[in-house]
């Protein structure tokens, strides 16, 4: 065997290393910790909740608030779930809209995080829970007694809202995120159905960060369209509702900007859309689909979706028509666009449906099952996005803080004193892998030491 002198072999090796360093297309060596972090940031929420039990370092990393924020912001394909209500018991379930409709593992059991009514009260429709909105993984809920809670179904974290922030004549409500103050706000807008001249309706704004709320007067121009239209939809820093203008007697999309503190209407005076919204015989529902505001109308054999392709740009309203359904059902109510572009929805006879963009049926599943099987119904067709986010810690002071811009379009009336909140961080570490049933409050107070992985 021929042996090269060490100077020659070292020279070759040095030249090779030099060429590698000079090659701009070669990636540098990345630390294992950084690679692991980038992988974890792209995993689904339910997988991360299971991986918290792998080791202490993973538990610490996944539990960090900054990790939760980065995960929510970087999620390439977040999981979107729709609520189903289990009628015989006072609890709800959710379904992954991107899964097959026949995949039973896509259904997650969720216990309502407030006390249920007694069994005989379940016979009354008004004892049902109310989903009042969702934002960034948090759901705004109320029960039959008026108890209010903000809840993350994925982690189990929940916070009860003080009784002083009670419901009165409100006809619009919702939850949104103030990115300037890193705060979650609950919005109530009162109705003056009696049209009392001396009475000025109010907007109530509750800050979860300051645990206090402010009342603001507003003009009395809008009319409630019914309970199905009351939960607000959060998009582009604003909450949105479909209401009727009392003055013009037409339906409009009302938006409350949480950053600017302003109430405004979304422009939609294009001739075709304006004419259709002026027809009281055509019922429209407001949705957020594909990251856009949508107005959806269904009738026998046809569904229409008016989609605002560019936010607040009136000329971007585009009409999508689905017709000639190839299934034995009369109507289709669009709810959501799946990740692969299919249209998830329901109909009037109790089925979940998936259609392609041409209106062809891909899947269907009965919501109400046969005798002896579990029964479901859609719960206000409200959805939430899975997240690891936590609610902000309560700070001293009053809302709104000094940095918040002045409210425009209405007058500030009063600011209430802080009251202690019912905080509950339970559920995040108490959940078993693959099971998001929240359990009782006592179960959720299990000590952290018992949950530490080995």
Protein backbone atom coordinates (compact mmCIF):
# COMPACT_ATOMS: atom_id res chain seq x y z
CA UNK A 1 0.00 0.00 0.00
CA UNK A 2 1.32 3.41 -0.93
CA UNK A 3 1.45 5.82 1.96
CA UNK A 4 1.32 9.54 1.20
CA UNK A 5 3.43 11.90 3.26
CA UNK A 6 1.51 13.48 6.10
CA UNK A 7 2.10 16.92 4.62
CA UNK A 8 0.38 15.92 1.38
CA UNK A 9 -2.58 14.19 3.05
CA UNK A 10 -3.02 17.09 5.46
CA UNK A 11 -2.82 19.48 2.58
CA UNK A 12 -5.58 17.68 0.74
CA UNK A 13 -7.69 17.66 3.85
CA UNK A 14 -7.05 21.32 4.51
CA UNK A 15 -7.93 22.25 0.93
CA UNK A 16 -11.15 20.21 1.22
CA UNK A 17 -12.10 21.95 4.46
CA UNK A 18 -11.25 25.29 2.94
CA UNK A 19 -13.44 24.60 -0.07
CA UNK A 20 -16.29 23.52 2.20
CA UNK A 21 -16.06 26.74 4.19
CA UNK A 22 -16.06 28.79 1.02
CA UNK A 23 -19.10 26.99 -0.46
CA UNK A 24 -22.09 29.25 0.25
CA UNK A 25 -24.55 26.43 -0.51
CA UNK A 26 -23.48 24.19 2.34
CA UNK A 27 -25.53 24.57 5.51
CA UNK A 28 -23.63 25.14 8.74
CA UNK A 29 -23.91 22.59 11.50
CA UNK A 30 -26.99 23.32 13.59
CA UNK A 31 -27.16 22.53 17.31
CA UNK A 32 -29.39 19.58 18.15
CA UNK A 33 -31.44 21.76 20.52
CA UNK A 34 -32.25 24.21 17.72
CA UNK A 35 -33.24 21.41 15.35
CA UNK A 36 -35.49 19.88 18.01
CA UNK A 37 -37.12 23.25 18.69
CA UNK A 38 -37.91 23.79 15.02
CA UNK A 39 -39.47 20.33 14.81
CA UNK A 40 -41.59 20.83 17.94
CA UNK A 41 -42.86 24.19 16.69
CA UNK A 42 -44.41 22.48 13.68
CA UNK A 43 -46.21 19.65 15.48
CA UNK A 44 -49.97 19.64 16.24
CA UNK A 45 -51.13 20.77 19.66
CA UNK A 46 -52.41 17.36 20.72
CA UNK A 47 -49.05 15.76 19.90
CA UNK A 48 -47.20 18.39 21.93
CA UNK A 49 -49.47 17.80 24.91
CA UNK A 50 -48.54 14.11 24.82
CA UNK A 51 -44.84 14.88 24.35
CA UNK A 52 -44.76 16.88 27.59
CA UNK A 53 -44.46 13.55 29.39
CA UNK A 54 -41.36 12.45 27.45
CA UNK A 55 -38.83 14.16 29.72
CA UNK A 56 -38.44 17.18 31.97
CA UNK A 57 -36.65 19.27 29.34
CA UNK A 58 -39.51 18.76 26.84
CA UNK A 59 -42.06 19.57 29.54
CA UNK A 60 -40.19 22.79 30.36
CA UNK A 61 -39.78 23.77 26.71
CA UNK A 62 -43.39 23.12 25.64
CA UNK A 63 -44.74 24.87 28.76
CA UNK A 64 -42.90 28.13 28.04
CA UNK A 65 -45.26 31.02 27.11
CA UNK A 66 -42.90 32.13 24.33
CA UNK A 67 -42.95 28.64 22.84
CA UNK A 68 -46.77 28.73 22.79
CA UNK A 69 -46.76 32.11 21.02
CA UNK A 70 -44.17 31.00 18.48
CA UNK A 71 -46.07 27.76 17.86
CA UNK A 72 -49.31 29.63 17.20
CA UNK A 73 -47.64 32.16 14.89
CA UNK A 74 -45.59 29.60 12.95
CA UNK A 75 -48.16 26.82 12.66
CA UNK A 76 -48.26 25.98 8.95
CA UNK A 77 -51.48 23.98 9.21
CA UNK A 78 -53.25 24.55 12.55
CA UNK A 79 -56.06 22.24 13.60
CA UNK A 80 -59.53 23.77 13.36
CA UNK A 81 -62.34 22.13 15.30
CA UNK A 82 -66.11 22.57 15.26
CA UNK A 83 -68.26 22.15 18.35
CA UNK A 84 -70.82 19.37 18.59
CA UNK A 85 -73.32 19.26 21.43
CA UNK A 86 -74.09 15.96 23.14
CA UNK A 87 -77.79 16.55 23.86
CA UNK A 88 -78.43 13.97 26.65
CA UNK A 89 -75.59 15.28 28.84
CA UNK A 90 -74.47 18.82 29.54
CA UNK A 91 -71.19 18.54 27.70
CA UNK A 92 -69.78 19.18 24.28
CA UNK A 93 -67.50 17.49 21.81
CA UNK A 94 -65.42 18.88 18.98
CA UNK A 95 -64.53 17.53 15.56
CA UNK A 96 -61.43 18.12 13.43
CA UNK A 97 -62.76 19.60 10.19
CA UNK A 98 -59.80 18.31 8.17
CA UNK A 99 -60.33 14.68 9.15
CA UNK A 100 -62.54 12.18 7.39
CA UNK A 101 -66.14 12.52 8.56
CA UNK A 102 -66.06 8.81 9.40
CA UNK A 103 -62.96 9.05 11.58
CA UNK A 104 -64.22 8.60 15.15
CA UNK A 105 -60.78 9.49 16.52
CA UNK A 106 -61.31 13.04 15.20
CA UNK A 107 -63.98 13.56 17.90
CA UNK A 108 -62.69 14.88 21.25
CA UNK A 109 -64.74 14.82 24.46
CA UNK A 110 -64.86 18.17 26.27
CA UNK A 111 -66.61 18.72 29.57
CA UNK A 112 -68.22 22.11 29.96
CA UNK A 113 -66.02 24.06 32.43
CA UNK A 114 -68.97 25.38 34.45
CA UNK A 115 -71.43 23.64 36.73
CA UNK A 116 -74.21 21.81 34.82
CA UNK A 117 -77.88 22.28 35.73
CA UNK A 118 -79.80 19.64 37.64
CA UNK A 119 -81.20 16.79 35.50
CA UNK A 120 -84.75 18.12 35.37
CA UNK A 121 -83.48 21.51 34.17
CA UNK A 122 -81.92 19.83 31.12
CA UNK A 123 -85.42 19.53 29.69
CA UNK A 124 -85.48 23.27 29.11
CA UNK A 125 -83.80 24.61 26.00
CA UNK A 126 -82.59 27.75 27.74
CA UNK A 127 -80.40 25.71 30.09
CA UNK A 128 -78.04 24.87 27.25
CA UNK A 129 -74.57 26.35 27.19
CA UNK A 130 -73.82 29.30 24.94
CA UNK A 131 -70.75 29.58 22.74
CA UNK A 132 -70.30 33.33 22.49
CA UNK A 133 -67.16 33.46 20.37
CA UNK A 134 -63.61 32.17 19.95
CA UNK A 135 -60.20 33.71 19.34
CA UNK A 136 -56.67 32.24 19.12
CA UNK A 137 -57.73 28.98 20.77
CA UNK A 138 -59.84 30.57 23.54
CA UNK A 139 -63.60 30.10 23.71
CA UNK A 140 -66.03 32.56 25.32
CA UNK A 141 -68.77 30.56 27.10
CA UNK A 142 -71.77 31.10 29.36
CA UNK A 143 -74.19 28.74 31.07
CA UNK A 144 -77.89 28.97 31.87
CA UNK A 145 -77.26 30.96 35.08
CA UNK A 146 -75.24 33.66 33.35
CA UNK A 147 -71.86 32.41 34.59
CA UNK A 148 -69.18 33.43 32.11
CA UNK A 149 -65.84 31.75 31.46
CA UNK A 150 -63.00 32.05 28.96
CA UNK A 151 -61.59 28.60 28.26
CA UNK A 152 -58.86 26.95 26.22
CA UNK A 153 -60.31 23.51 25.35
CA UNK A 154 -56.88 22.22 24.27
CA UNK A 155 -55.01 22.87 27.54
CA UNK A 156 -57.92 23.10 29.97
CA UNK A 157 -56.97 26.57 31.22
CA UNK A 158 -59.99 28.66 32.14
CA UNK A 159 -60.79 31.93 33.86
CA UNK A 160 -64.15 32.88 35.27
CA UNK A 161 -65.30 36.44 34.68
CA UNK A 162 -66.48 38.50 37.71
CA UNK A 163 -70.23 38.55 38.32
CA UNK A 164 -70.27 42.34 38.02
CA UNK A 165 -69.74 41.91 34.29
CA UNK A 166 -73.17 40.41 33.85
CA UNK A 167 -75.36 40.07 30.79
CA UNK A 168 -78.27 42.45 30.42
CA UNK A 169 -79.77 43.70 27.18
CA UNK A 170 -76.78 42.66 25.09
CA UNK A 171 -77.52 41.42 21.60
CA UNK A 172 -73.99 41.22 20.18
CA UNK A 173 -70.94 39.76 21.89
CA UNK A 174 -67.56 38.20 21.19
CA UNK A 175 -63.93 37.77 22.19
CA UNK A 176 -60.96 39.31 20.42
CA UNK A 177 -57.24 39.90 20.81
CA UNK A 178 -55.65 43.33 21.24
CA UNK A 179 -52.18 42.85 19.77
CA UNK A 180 -50.97 46.26 21.00
CA UNK A 181 -51.65 45.51 24.65
CA UNK A 182 -51.28 41.70 24.39
CA UNK A 183 -54.74 41.43 25.93
CA UNK A 184 -57.95 39.52 25.30
CA UNK A 185 -61.15 41.60 25.31
CA UNK A 186 -64.76 40.54 25.77
CA UNK A 187 -67.21 42.75 23.92
CA UNK A 188 -70.93 43.21 24.69
CA UNK A 189 -73.10 45.54 22.65
CA UNK A 190 -76.50 46.42 24.07
CA UNK A 191 -79.75 46.58 22.16
CA UNK A 192 -82.48 49.17 22.57
CA UNK A 193 -85.36 47.13 21.18
CA UNK A 194 -87.87 49.37 22.94
CA UNK A 195 -86.44 52.40 21.12
CA UNK A 196 -86.51 54.57 24.23
CA UNK A 197 -85.43 58.03 23.15
CA UNK A 198 -83.72 58.87 26.46
CA UNK A 199 -81.78 55.60 26.61
CA UNK A 200 -78.31 55.32 25.07
CA UNK A 201 -77.16 51.73 24.38
CA UNK A 202 -73.73 50.82 25.70
CA UNK A 203 -70.71 48.84 24.62
CA UNK A 204 -69.08 46.91 27.44
CA UNK A 205 -65.40 46.09 27.00
CA UNK A 206 -63.87 43.69 29.53
CA UNK A 207 -60.09 43.28 29.71
CA UNK A 208 -58.80 39.90 30.89
CA UNK A 209 -55.41 41.50 31.52
CA UNK A 210 -56.75 44.24 33.82
CA UNK A 211 -59.76 42.23 35.06
CA UNK A 212 -61.95 45.31 34.69
CA UNK A 213 -64.27 46.79 32.12
CA UNK A 214 -65.33 50.09 30.66
CA UNK A 215 -68.73 51.23 29.40
CA UNK A 216 -69.05 53.32 26.25
CA UNK A 217 -72.16 54.91 24.80
CA UNK A 218 -73.06 54.40 21.14
CA UNK A 219 -75.76 55.42 18.72
CA UNK A 220 -78.80 53.19 18.38
CA UNK A 221 -78.73 52.30 14.70
CA UNK A 222 -78.62 48.49 14.53
CA UNK A 223 -81.18 45.74 15.09
CA UNK A 224 -80.61 42.17 16.24
CA UNK A 225 -81.24 39.43 13.64
CA UNK A 226 -81.58 36.59 16.15
CA UNK A 227 -79.54 34.42 18.50
CA UNK A 228 -77.62 32.66 15.71
CA UNK A 229 -76.15 36.02 14.62
CA UNK A 230 -74.99 37.26 18.02
CA UNK A 231 -71.53 35.62 18.44
CA UNK A 232 -68.88 37.79 16.80
CA UNK A 233 -66.26 36.50 14.37
CA UNK A 234 -62.68 37.67 14.96
CA UNK A 235 -60.61 38.57 11.90
CA UNK A 236 -57.94 41.23 11.24
CA UNK A 237 -58.02 42.73 14.76
CA UNK A 238 -61.83 43.18 14.59
CA UNK A 239 -65.03 41.44 15.66
CA UNK A 240 -67.76 41.13 13.01
CA UNK A 241 -71.53 40.65 13.12
CA UNK A 242 -74.32 40.58 10.55
CA UNK A 243 -77.01 43.04 11.73
CA UNK A 244 -79.75 45.21 10.29
CA UNK A 245 -79.54 48.96 10.02
CA UNK A 246 -82.54 50.50 11.76
CA UNK A 247 -82.30 53.64 9.62
CA UNK A 248 -81.74 52.12 6.16
CA UNK A 249 -83.64 48.85 6.83
CA UNK A 250 -80.91 46.72 5.20
CA UNK A 251 -78.50 44.11 6.51
CA UNK A 252 -74.91 45.22 7.05
CA UNK A 253 -71.69 43.72 8.43
CA UNK A 254 -70.73 45.60 11.59
CA UNK A 255 -67.11 45.55 12.78
CA UNK A 256 -65.55 46.60 16.07
CA UNK A 257 -61.81 47.31 15.74
CA UNK A 258 -60.11 46.29 19.00
CA UNK A 259 -56.92 48.21 18.22
CA UNK A 260 -58.51 51.49 17.12
CA UNK A 261 -61.51 51.20 19.44
CA UNK A 262 -63.88 52.09 16.61
CA UNK A 263 -67.20 50.78 15.34
CA UNK A 264 -67.67 50.71 11.57
CA UNK A 265 -69.44 48.98 8.69
CA UNK A 266 -67.70 46.73 6.17
CA UNK A 267 -68.27 48.17 2.67
CA UNK A 268 -70.55 46.00 0.53
CA UNK A 269 -72.74 48.32 -1.53
CA UNK A 270 -71.94 46.52 -4.80
CA UNK A 271 -75.16 46.29 -6.76
CA UNK A 272 -75.70 42.51 -6.78
CA UNK A 273 -74.72 41.96 -3.16
CA UNK A 274 -76.67 45.01 -1.93
CA UNK A 275 -79.80 43.85 -3.76
CA UNK A 276 -79.56 40.33 -2.36
CA UNK A 277 -79.01 41.55 1.22
CA UNK A 278 -82.03 43.81 0.80
CA UNK A 279 -84.24 40.77 0.12
CA UNK A 280 -85.56 39.70 3.52
CA UNK A 281 -86.65 36.37 2.05
CA UNK A 282 -83.02 35.34 1.58
CA UNK A 283 -81.31 34.36 4.82
CA UNK A 284 -77.56 34.99 4.96
CA UNK A 285 -75.06 33.87 7.58
CA UNK A 286 -71.70 35.49 8.24
CA UNK A 287 -68.66 33.19 8.26
CA UNK A 288 -64.87 33.43 8.23
CA UNK A 289 -63.67 30.96 5.59
CA UNK A 290 -60.21 30.76 4.09
CA UNK A 291 -59.16 33.80 6.11
CA UNK A 292 -61.87 35.93 4.47
CA UNK A 293 -65.25 37.33 5.47
CA UNK A 294 -68.02 35.36 3.75
CA UNK A 295 -71.78 35.78 3.46
CA UNK A 296 -73.44 32.43 2.84
CA UNK A 297 -76.96 31.73 1.58
CA UNK A 298 -78.57 28.34 1.03
CA UNK A 299 -81.71 27.29 -0.78
CA UNK A 300 -83.00 24.10 -2.34
CA UNK A 301 -80.34 22.71 -4.65
CA UNK A 302 -77.97 25.66 -4.39
CA UNK A 303 -75.60 27.46 -2.03
CA UNK A 304 -74.05 30.88 -2.59
CA UNK A 305 -70.91 32.25 -0.96
CA UNK A 306 -70.04 35.94 -1.25
CA UNK A 307 -66.36 36.10 -0.32
CA UNK A 308 -64.42 39.29 0.45
CA UNK A 309 -61.08 38.32 -1.06
CA UNK A 310 -59.28 41.44 0.26
CA UNK A 311 -60.33 42.79 3.63
CA UNK A 312 -62.27 46.09 3.51
CA UNK A 313 -61.85 46.31 -0.27
CA UNK A 314 -65.38 46.55 -1.61
CA UNK A 315 -64.50 45.54 -5.16
CA UNK A 316 -63.04 42.25 -3.92
CA UNK A 317 -66.44 40.71 -3.08
CA UNK A 318 -66.63 37.55 -5.21
CA UNK A 319 -69.60 35.22 -5.64
CA UNK A 320 -69.17 31.44 -5.54
CA UNK A 321 -72.15 29.26 -6.50
CA UNK A 322 -72.50 25.58 -5.60
CA UNK A 323 -75.34 23.81 -7.38
CA UNK A 324 -76.63 20.46 -8.60
CA UNK A 325 -75.91 18.58 -5.38
CA UNK A 326 -75.44 14.90 -5.99
CA UNK A 327 -76.88 13.73 -2.67
CA UNK A 328 -80.44 13.32 -1.37
CA UNK A 329 -80.57 16.49 0.71
CA UNK A 330 -82.20 19.82 -0.03
CA UNK A 331 -79.78 22.37 1.37
CA UNK A 332 -76.10 22.82 2.13
CA UNK A 333 -74.85 25.36 4.68
CA UNK A 334 -71.13 26.17 4.14
CA UNK A 335 -69.08 26.49 7.32
CA UNK A 336 -65.37 26.13 6.53
CA UNK A 337 -62.75 25.56 3.83
CA UNK A 338 -60.55 22.57 4.66
CA UNK A 339 -56.80 22.57 4.12
CA UNK A 340 -57.17 20.68 0.85
CA UNK A 341 -59.76 23.12 -0.49
CA UNK A 342 -62.93 21.13 0.20
CA UNK A 343 -66.00 22.81 1.70
CA UNK A 344 -67.11 21.58 5.11
CA UNK A 345 -70.74 22.19 6.05
CA UNK A 346 -74.07 20.79 7.18
CA UNK A 347 -77.67 20.53 6.03
CA UNK A 348 -81.11 20.84 7.53
CA UNK A 349 -81.67 17.12 8.15
CA UNK A 350 -78.77 16.50 10.52
CA UNK A 351 -75.68 15.64 8.50
CA UNK A 352 -72.10 16.83 8.26
CA UNK A 353 -71.05 17.17 4.64
CA UNK A 354 -67.92 17.73 2.59
CA UNK A 355 -68.13 19.00 -0.99
CA UNK A 356 -65.48 19.84 -3.53
CA UNK A 357 -65.38 23.25 -5.20
CA UNK A 358 -67.77 22.03 -7.91
CA UNK A 359 -70.45 21.00 -5.42
CA UNK A 360 -69.86 17.25 -5.68
CA UNK A 361 -70.43 15.29 -2.49
CA UNK A 362 -67.26 13.77 -1.04
CA UNK A 363 -68.46 12.57 2.37
CA UNK A 364 -71.47 12.79 4.63
CA UNK A 365 -72.25 11.67 8.16
CA UNK A 366 -75.42 11.84 10.24
CA UNK A 367 -75.27 14.08 13.31
CA UNK A 368 -78.27 12.40 14.89
CA UNK A 369 -77.56 8.68 15.04
CA UNK A 370 -79.90 5.75 15.46
CA UNK A 371 -81.39 4.32 18.61
CA UNK A 372 -78.84 3.23 21.19
CA UNK A 373 -76.07 5.32 19.64
CA UNK A 374 -74.79 8.73 20.61
CA UNK A 375 -76.55 11.78 19.23
CA UNK A 376 -74.98 15.03 18.12
CA UNK A 377 -76.13 18.38 16.93
CA UNK A 378 -74.13 21.35 15.72
CA UNK A 379 -73.60 23.94 18.42
CA UNK A 380 -74.12 27.28 16.66
CA UNK A 381 -71.63 26.01 14.04
CA UNK A 382 -68.90 27.68 16.09
CA UNK A 383 -65.27 26.76 15.66
CA UNK A 384 -61.97 27.22 17.44
CA UNK A 385 -58.29 26.73 16.62
CA UNK A 386 -56.19 24.46 18.81
CA UNK A 387 -53.46 26.36 20.66
CA UNK A 388 -51.13 26.20 23.65
CA UNK A 389 -51.61 29.88 24.46
CA UNK A 390 -52.30 31.07 28.01
CA UNK A 391 -54.34 34.02 29.18
CA UNK A 392 -52.35 37.07 30.34
CA UNK A 393 -51.60 37.47 34.02
CA UNK A 394 -53.75 40.07 35.76
CA UNK A 395 -51.96 43.37 36.32
CA UNK A 396 -52.85 46.35 38.46
CA UNK A 397 -54.53 49.38 37.00
CA UNK A 398 -57.64 50.12 34.99
CA UNK A 399 -58.65 49.43 31.44
CA UNK A 400 -58.03 51.08 29.06
CA UNK A 401 -54.40 51.92 29.86
CA UNK A 402 -52.78 55.15 28.74
CA UNK A 403 -51.28 53.69 25.55
CA UNK A 404 -54.70 52.65 24.26
CA UNK A 405 -56.03 55.13 21.65
CA UNK A 406 -59.21 57.06 22.48
CA UNK A 407 -62.43 55.32 21.57
CA UNK A 408 -63.87 56.81 18.40
CA UNK A 409 -67.54 57.02 17.56
CA UNK A 410 -68.87 56.76 21.11
CA UNK A 411 -68.50 58.27 24.55
CA UNK A 412 -66.74 56.74 27.55
CA UNK A 413 -69.13 56.51 30.49
CA UNK A 414 -67.56 54.67 33.39
CA UNK A 415 -64.71 52.38 34.43
CA UNK A 416 -65.31 49.72 37.09
CA UNK A 417 -63.03 48.76 39.93
CA UNK A 418 -61.02 45.58 39.68
CA UNK A 419 -62.51 42.45 41.16
CA UNK A 420 -60.73 39.17 41.84
CA UNK A 421 -61.07 36.63 39.06
CA UNK A 422 -61.64 32.93 39.45
CA UNK A 423 -58.39 31.65 37.98
CA UNK A 424 -57.89 28.03 37.02
CA UNK A 425 -54.80 26.89 35.20
CA UNK A 426 -55.72 23.25 35.68
CA UNK A 427 -56.04 20.77 32.89
CA UNK A 428 -52.85 21.46 30.97
CA UNK A 429 -50.69 18.90 32.74
CA UNK A 430 -53.56 16.77 33.99
CA UNK A 431 -54.58 15.52 30.56
CA UNK A 432 -53.61 12.05 29.51
CA UNK A 433 -52.20 11.52 26.02
CA UNK A 434 -54.95 11.55 23.43
CA UNK A 435 -57.66 12.49 25.95
CA UNK A 436 -58.81 16.09 26.33
CA UNK A 437 -61.72 15.35 28.66
CA UNK A 438 -61.27 18.09 31.23
CA UNK A 439 -62.63 16.17 34.23
CA UNK A 440 -63.78 17.74 37.47
CA UNK A 441 -62.28 20.83 39.06
CA UNK A 442 -60.86 18.72 41.87
CA UNK A 443 -59.09 16.49 39.37
CA UNK A 444 -57.56 19.54 37.73
CA UNK A 445 -55.96 20.69 40.99
CA UNK A 446 -53.59 17.72 41.07
CA UNK A 447 -50.14 18.69 42.23
CA UNK A 448 -47.50 19.51 39.68
CA UNK A 449 -45.08 17.08 41.32
CA UNK A 450 -47.36 14.17 40.49
CA UNK A 451 -47.30 15.17 36.84
CA UNK A 452 -43.54 15.53 36.43
CA UNK A 453 -42.03 13.05 33.96
CA UNK A 454 -39.08 10.91 34.92
